[in-house]
Amino acid sequence: MSNTPPETGTLQRRDFLRLTAAATATLTAGAGQARAAVPALPAIRQVNAGVLNIGYLDYGPAAGAPVLLFHGWPYDIHAFAEVAPLLAARGHRVIVPHLRGHGSTVFRSAEAPRNGQQAALAADGIALMDALGIRRAVVAGFDWGARTADIMAVLWPERCRALVSVSGYLIGSQAANARPLAPAQELQWWYQFYFATERGKAGYAANTKAFNRQIWQQASPDWAFDDATFERSATSFENPDHVAIVIHNYRWRLGLAQGENRYDAAEATLASAPPVTIPAITMEGDRNGAPHPAPEQYRAKFVGPYEHRTIGGGIGHNLPQEAPAAFAHAVLDVSGRTA
């Protein structure tokens, strides 16, 4: 998409209504029907940011109010293929990066630790903002991306105007993760325990695409995605560091892998479960099959202007891709709120 802003507010509104109608049509078609064609992605751009060379999409006017959209695992930038044009049509500059270990994002040094701990991914977000000259932005995401946005909001609130987080407050710690859960909850985390073994690491490396497709089906049981939809994202799993980052992320959570000392102070702060003070909207799909907390469990963590939205119609874990209009509306709504 061009970085030239629409000429008039009328054009912005017309484009937004057209794109919203298309996105809404895919929702009302029913969970069992195929989705309509999605917009083609713009060319990937690359920028050196901290320890990474980050691949990202850049939509909308260069002077527009910035929005950063963060995907999760095992997903990629295609999760926002319909959301980003909706926001750009309303005048926002929308940045959609590949997380470390995904797509064209690579480490700048062969010696850099392939570290997937939560603070590292959030630091990547700030490094990207610095590299692009973005002082403040709305941050939004799901899964790993929601956790990244949550952490950016609590550690760098001066850099984050507002937050949209699918499944709410996802900040954790190794100490908290050491506490056992009820058997039914533990069962949902089967892949985390698989990844804790060398057999699991070898199995994920050997069967990455099949494994991730299984996660898509488990996490979004009513989402009738087709082969082409999955394959568009699956190319991002061919990143040379993908397996290492995924395995380290889940092993770090259980205290089975070390993080980097540079993040010790940040992790100590996060372990105290600091509240989100900036304006925030949390979201949940009514058919999220992935492990996730109930909204009432994290309500007290949001002490600024706050709203929760549950999206019906069989919406699963990948909420931005399954319900793009609803996600875009949340970003537009929260961007206009002030603390």
Protein backbone atom coordinates (compact mmCIF):
# COMPACT_ATOMS: atom_id res chain seq x y z
CA MET A 1 0.00 0.00 0.00
CA SER A 2 1.21 3.49 -0.79
CA ASN A 3 2.52 5.72 1.98
CA THR A 4 0.59 8.60 0.42
CA PRO A 5 -2.38 9.52 2.65
CA PRO A 6 -5.89 9.67 1.18
CA GLU A 7 -6.72 13.10 -0.18
CA THR A 8 -9.84 13.63 1.90
CA GLY A 9 -11.52 12.38 5.05
CA THR A 10 -14.39 11.16 2.86
CA LEU A 11 -12.06 8.82 1.01
CA GLN A 12 -10.72 7.48 4.31
CA ARG A 13 -14.23 6.80 5.55
CA ARG A 14 -15.32 5.19 2.28
CA ASP A 15 -12.26 2.94 2.16
CA PHE A 16 -12.75 1.93 5.77
CA LEU A 17 -16.41 1.08 5.23
CA ARG A 18 -15.57 -0.93 2.12
CA LEU A 19 -12.82 -2.87 3.86
CA THR A 20 -14.90 -3.36 6.99
CA ALA A 21 -17.81 -4.69 4.94
CA ALA A 22 -15.51 -7.22 3.29
CA ALA A 23 -14.09 -8.31 6.63
CA THR A 24 -17.52 -8.52 8.23
CA ALA A 25 -18.79 -10.64 5.35
CA THR A 26 -16.20 -13.26 6.13
CA LEU A 27 -17.45 -13.38 9.71
CA THR A 28 -21.13 -13.63 8.92
CA ALA A 29 -20.52 -16.31 6.30
CA GLY A 30 -20.22 -18.82 9.11
CA ALA A 31 -17.34 -20.69 10.72
CA GLY A 32 -17.64 -23.65 8.38
CA GLN A 33 -17.33 -21.68 5.14
CA ALA A 34 -14.16 -20.62 3.35
CA ARG A 35 -12.87 -17.06 3.84
CA ALA A 36 -12.84 -14.52 1.04
CA ALA A 37 -9.54 -13.56 -0.58
CA VAL A 38 -7.43 -11.27 1.58
CA PRO A 39 -5.43 -8.26 0.40
CA ALA A 40 -1.92 -8.93 -0.88
CA LEU A 41 0.83 -7.87 1.51
CA PRO A 42 3.09 -4.95 0.59
CA ALA A 43 6.80 -5.59 0.09
CA ILE A 44 8.72 -6.62 3.19
CA ARG A 45 11.12 -3.99 4.47
CA GLN A 46 14.21 -4.67 6.61
CA VAL A 47 15.81 -2.56 9.32
CA ASN A 48 18.62 -3.10 11.82
CA ALA A 49 17.10 -2.87 15.29
CA GLY A 50 19.09 -3.93 18.34
CA VAL A 51 20.45 -7.45 17.91
CA LEU A 52 18.15 -8.13 14.95
CA ASN A 53 17.60 -7.23 11.36
CA ILE A 54 13.81 -7.08 11.47
CA GLY A 55 11.50 -7.74 8.57
CA TYR A 56 8.32 -5.69 8.71
CA LEU A 57 5.35 -4.40 6.75
CA ASP A 58 4.67 -0.66 6.63
CA TYR A 59 1.14 0.51 5.75
CA GLY A 60 -0.49 3.91 5.55
CA PRO A 61 0.77 7.49 5.63
CA ALA A 62 4.30 7.96 6.98
CA ALA A 63 3.06 10.80 9.22
CA GLY A 64 0.09 8.84 10.53
CA ALA A 65 -0.37 7.95 14.21
CA PRO A 66 1.70 4.75 14.59
CA VAL A 67 0.27 1.32 15.43
CA LEU A 68 2.48 -1.74 16.00
CA LEU A 69 0.82 -5.14 15.48
CA PHE A 70 2.54 -8.23 16.92
CA HIS A 71 1.72 -11.78 15.85
CA GLY A 72 2.06 -14.92 17.94
CA TRP A 73 3.30 -18.49 17.60
CA PRO A 74 2.80 -20.39 15.37
CA TYR A 75 1.57 -17.54 13.20
CA ASP A 76 3.09 -14.65 11.28
CA ILE A 77 2.42 -11.25 9.73
CA HIS A 78 -0.43 -12.64 7.61
CA ALA A 79 -2.55 -12.61 10.78
CA PHE A 80 -2.94 -8.86 10.17
CA ALA A 81 -3.40 -8.93 6.38
CA GLU A 82 -6.95 -7.59 6.73
CA VAL A 83 -6.52 -5.57 9.93
CA ALA A 84 -3.65 -3.39 8.72
CA PRO A 85 -5.42 -1.96 5.62
CA LEU A 86 -8.45 -1.10 7.77
CA LEU A 87 -6.27 0.95 10.11
CA ALA A 88 -4.24 2.52 7.29
CA ALA A 89 -7.49 3.62 5.62
CA ARG A 90 -8.21 5.64 8.76
CA GLY A 91 -4.86 7.44 8.54
CA HIS A 92 -2.69 5.29 10.81
CA ARG A 93 0.83 4.22 10.01
CA VAL A 94 0.76 0.48 10.69
CA ILE A 95 3.93 -1.50 11.36
CA VAL A 96 3.70 -5.31 11.35
CA PRO A 97 7.02 -7.00 12.24
CA HIS A 98 8.09 -10.60 12.04
CA LEU A 99 9.01 -11.66 15.57
CA ARG A 100 12.49 -13.06 16.13
CA GLY A 101 12.71 -16.54 14.66
CA HIS A 102 10.02 -15.82 12.06
CA GLY A 103 10.01 -14.78 8.42
CA SER A 104 12.82 -12.49 7.35
CA THR A 105 13.81 -11.34 10.86
CA VAL A 106 17.33 -12.59 11.55
CA PHE A 107 20.08 -12.06 14.10
CA ARG A 108 22.81 -9.66 13.09
CA SER A 109 25.49 -11.83 14.72
CA ALA A 110 25.99 -15.57 14.47
CA GLU A 111 27.18 -15.49 18.10
CA ALA A 112 24.03 -13.84 19.52
CA PRO A 113 22.05 -16.11 21.87
CA ARG A 114 18.92 -17.50 20.24
CA ASN A 115 16.89 -16.26 23.17
CA GLY A 116 13.11 -16.49 23.24
CA GLN A 117 12.42 -15.14 26.73
CA GLN A 118 9.54 -12.69 27.10
CA ALA A 119 11.61 -9.59 27.93
CA ALA A 120 13.77 -10.09 24.83
CA LEU A 121 10.78 -9.99 22.49
CA ALA A 122 9.46 -6.84 24.15
CA ALA A 123 12.89 -5.20 23.87
CA ASP A 124 12.78 -6.02 20.16
CA GLY A 125 9.59 -3.96 19.90
CA ILE A 126 11.23 -0.92 21.48
CA ALA A 127 14.35 -1.37 19.33
CA LEU A 128 12.14 -1.42 16.23
CA MET A 129 10.42 1.80 17.30
CA ASP A 130 13.81 3.42 17.85
CA ALA A 131 15.10 2.25 14.46
CA LEU A 132 12.03 3.67 12.70
CA GLY A 133 12.03 6.92 14.66
CA ILE A 134 8.68 6.20 16.32
CA ARG A 135 8.37 7.89 19.70
CA ARG A 136 4.96 6.53 20.78
CA ALA A 137 2.58 4.00 19.31
CA VAL A 138 -0.52 1.97 19.99
CA VAL A 139 0.66 -1.61 20.57
CA ALA A 140 -1.56 -4.59 19.88
CA GLY A 141 -1.26 -8.33 19.45
CA PHE A 142 -2.25 -11.88 20.26
CA ASP A 143 -0.46 -14.88 21.78
CA TRP A 144 3.30 -14.10 21.97
CA GLY A 145 2.42 -10.75 20.41
CA ALA A 146 -0.07 -9.90 23.16
CA ARG A 147 2.53 -10.72 25.79
CA THR A 148 5.05 -8.55 23.95
CA ALA A 149 2.60 -5.63 23.82
CA ASP A 150 1.64 -6.12 27.49
CA ILE A 151 5.29 -5.99 28.56
CA MET A 152 6.00 -2.93 26.44
CA ALA A 153 3.01 -1.24 28.09
CA VAL A 154 4.22 -1.87 31.65
CA LEU A 155 7.97 -1.40 31.17
CA TRP A 156 7.81 1.53 28.71
CA PRO A 157 4.41 3.22 29.23
CA GLU A 158 5.86 6.50 27.95
CA ARG A 159 6.37 4.81 24.55
CA CYS A 160 2.91 3.21 24.35
CA ARG A 161 -0.21 5.32 23.75
CA ALA A 162 -2.66 2.45 24.24
CA LEU A 163 -2.90 -1.34 24.20
CA VAL A 164 -5.06 -4.03 22.60
CA SER A 165 -4.33 -7.48 24.01
CA VAL A 166 -6.05 -10.73 23.04
CA SER A 167 -6.48 -12.91 26.15
CA GLY A 168 -5.62 -10.00 28.40
CA TYR A 169 -2.72 -9.88 30.82
CA LEU A 170 -0.20 -12.51 29.73
CA ILE A 171 2.90 -11.39 31.63
CA GLY A 172 4.43 -14.27 33.58
CA SER A 173 7.58 -15.34 35.36
CA GLN A 174 9.58 -18.48 35.88
CA ALA A 175 8.51 -18.54 39.54
CA ALA A 176 4.83 -18.30 38.66
CA ASN A 177 5.19 -20.93 35.95
CA ALA A 178 6.73 -23.34 38.48
CA ARG A 179 3.39 -23.67 40.26
CA PRO A 180 1.42 -26.71 39.04
CA LEU A 181 -2.00 -26.30 37.45
CA ALA A 182 -5.11 -28.45 37.57
CA PRO A 183 -4.82 -31.58 35.37
CA ALA A 184 -7.18 -30.26 32.69
CA GLN A 185 -5.14 -27.06 32.42
CA GLU A 186 -1.86 -28.94 32.31
CA LEU A 187 -3.21 -31.03 29.43
CA GLN A 188 -3.71 -27.88 27.35
CA TRP A 189 0.02 -27.21 27.63
CA TRP A 190 1.04 -30.59 26.16
CA TYR A 191 3.35 -28.98 23.59
CA GLN A 192 5.24 -27.06 26.27
CA PHE A 193 6.15 -30.30 27.99
CA TYR A 194 7.00 -31.91 24.64
CA PHE A 195 9.36 -29.05 23.88
CA ALA A 196 11.05 -29.59 27.25
CA THR A 197 12.51 -32.85 25.92
CA GLU A 198 15.20 -33.44 23.33
CA ARG A 199 12.72 -35.71 21.54
CA GLY A 200 10.35 -32.74 21.34
CA LYS A 201 13.03 -30.45 19.95
CA ALA A 202 13.94 -33.01 17.30
CA GLY A 203 10.28 -33.67 16.55
CA TYR A 204 9.48 -30.01 16.08
CA ALA A 205 12.48 -29.55 13.79
CA ALA A 206 11.46 -32.56 11.71
CA ASN A 207 7.74 -31.78 11.52
CA THR A 208 7.47 -28.01 11.93
CA LYS A 209 4.67 -27.37 9.45
CA ALA A 210 2.57 -30.37 10.46
CA PHE A 211 3.05 -29.53 14.13
CA ASN A 212 2.00 -25.91 13.66
CA ARG A 213 -1.02 -26.84 11.62
CA GLN A 214 -2.09 -29.09 14.49
CA ILE A 215 -1.77 -26.11 16.87
CA TRP A 216 -3.88 -23.94 14.53
CA GLN A 217 -6.62 -26.57 14.59
CA GLN A 218 -6.48 -27.00 18.34
CA ALA A 219 -6.39 -23.28 19.07
CA SER A 220 -9.20 -22.35 16.65
CA PRO A 221 -11.48 -25.40 16.37
CA ASP A 222 -14.17 -23.57 14.34
CA TRP A 223 -11.83 -21.74 11.96
CA ALA A 224 -12.12 -23.44 8.55
CA PHE A 225 -8.86 -22.11 7.15
CA ASP A 226 -7.78 -23.59 3.83
CA ASP A 227 -4.40 -24.94 2.73
CA ALA A 228 -3.43 -21.69 1.01
CA THR A 229 -4.07 -19.67 4.16
CA PHE A 230 -1.86 -21.93 6.24
CA GLU A 231 0.88 -22.13 3.62
CA ARG A 232 1.17 -18.34 3.41
CA SER A 233 2.14 -18.27 7.08
CA ALA A 234 4.09 -21.55 7.05
CA THR A 235 6.86 -20.01 4.95
CA SER A 236 7.75 -17.90 8.00
CA PHE A 237 8.59 -21.05 9.97
CA GLU A 238 11.48 -21.73 7.58
CA ASN A 239 13.50 -19.05 9.38
CA PRO A 240 16.91 -20.52 10.37
CA ASP A 241 16.38 -19.60 14.03
CA HIS A 242 12.72 -20.61 14.29
CA VAL A 243 13.14 -23.92 16.10
CA ALA A 244 15.76 -22.55 18.48
CA ILE A 245 13.61 -19.55 19.45
CA VAL A 246 10.44 -21.59 19.97
CA ILE A 247 12.18 -24.24 22.05
CA HIS A 248 14.01 -21.67 24.16
CA ASN A 249 10.81 -19.68 24.75
CA TYR A 250 8.95 -22.61 26.26
CA ARG A 251 11.93 -24.04 28.14
CA TRP A 252 12.67 -20.61 29.62
CA ARG A 253 9.11 -20.39 30.93
CA LEU A 254 9.61 -23.60 32.91
CA GLY A 255 13.03 -22.59 34.21
CA LEU A 256 14.74 -25.21 32.03
CA ALA A 257 16.76 -22.68 30.03
CA GLN A 258 18.63 -19.55 31.06
CA GLY A 259 17.85 -16.09 29.78
CA GLU A 260 20.33 -13.28 29.23
CA ASN A 261 21.65 -11.24 32.13
CA ARG A 262 20.79 -8.01 30.30
CA TYR A 263 17.10 -8.78 30.95
CA ASP A 264 17.40 -9.71 34.64
CA ALA A 265 16.14 -6.33 35.91
CA ALA A 266 13.22 -6.35 33.49
CA GLU A 267 12.25 -9.89 34.46
CA ALA A 268 12.41 -8.99 38.14
CA THR A 269 9.97 -6.16 37.50
CA LEU A 270 7.69 -8.39 35.44
CA ALA A 271 7.69 -11.05 38.17
CA SER A 272 5.91 -8.55 40.43
CA ALA A 273 3.03 -8.47 37.90
CA PRO A 274 2.92 -4.67 37.46
CA PRO A 275 -0.40 -3.19 36.34
CA VAL A 276 -1.17 -1.74 32.92
CA THR A 277 -1.76 1.97 33.39
CA ILE A 278 -2.33 3.08 29.79
CA PRO A 279 -5.73 2.86 28.01
CA ALA A 280 -6.42 -0.76 27.11
CA ILE A 281 -8.94 -3.06 25.46
CA THR A 282 -8.67 -6.80 26.02
CA MET A 283 -10.34 -9.27 23.69
CA GLU A 284 -11.27 -12.94 23.60
CA GLY A 285 -12.78 -15.23 21.02
CA ASP A 286 -15.69 -17.36 22.19
CA ARG A 287 -14.00 -20.52 20.81
CA ASN A 288 -10.38 -20.01 21.84
CA GLY A 289 -8.98 -23.52 22.17
CA ALA A 290 -5.54 -22.44 23.40
CA PRO A 291 -4.67 -22.06 27.09
CA HIS A 292 -5.86 -18.65 28.25
CA PRO A 293 -7.03 -16.95 31.45
CA ALA A 294 -10.63 -15.93 32.03
CA PRO A 295 -11.22 -12.15 31.78
CA GLU A 296 -12.19 -11.86 35.44
CA GLN A 297 -8.76 -13.23 36.42
CA TYR A 298 -6.89 -10.28 34.95
CA ARG A 299 -9.38 -7.42 35.28
CA ALA A 300 -7.55 -5.92 38.27
CA LYS A 301 -4.32 -5.67 36.27
CA PHE A 302 -5.74 -2.88 34.11
CA VAL A 303 -5.94 0.31 36.15
CA GLY A 304 -6.27 2.86 33.33
CA PRO A 305 -9.24 3.34 30.99
CA TYR A 306 -10.28 -0.23 30.22
CA GLU A 307 -12.78 -2.39 28.38
CA HIS A 308 -13.07 -6.11 27.65
CA ARG A 309 -14.71 -7.49 24.50
CA THR A 310 -15.65 -11.11 23.86
CA ILE A 311 -16.10 -11.79 20.15
CA GLY A 312 -18.72 -14.39 19.26
CA GLY A 313 -19.34 -16.48 16.16
CA GLY A 314 -16.84 -19.29 16.72
CA ILE A 315 -13.74 -17.09 16.91
CA GLY A 316 -10.62 -18.87 18.10
CA HIS A 317 -7.12 -18.00 19.21
CA ASN A 318 -5.96 -16.11 16.10
CA LEU A 319 -8.51 -13.36 16.63
CA PRO A 320 -7.06 -10.72 14.25
CA GLN A 321 -7.15 -13.11 11.30
CA GLU A 322 -10.49 -14.70 12.23
CA ALA A 323 -12.26 -11.45 13.18
CA PRO A 324 -10.29 -8.63 11.52
CA ALA A 325 -13.04 -6.02 11.65
CA ALA A 326 -13.53 -6.50 15.40
CA PHE A 327 -9.79 -6.28 16.06
CA ALA A 328 -9.41 -3.16 13.92
CA HIS A 329 -12.35 -1.51 15.68
CA ALA A 330 -10.70 -2.17 19.04
CA VAL A 331 -7.46 -0.54 17.91
CA LEU A 332 -9.31 2.49 16.53
CA ASP A 333 -11.41 2.84 19.68
CA VAL A 334 -8.54 2.56 22.15
CA SER A 335 -6.32 4.92 20.15
CA GLY A 336 -8.73 7.75 20.91
CA ARG A 337 -8.70 7.25 24.67
CA THR A 338 -6.49 9.00 27.18
CA ALA A 339 -5.43 8.11 30.69
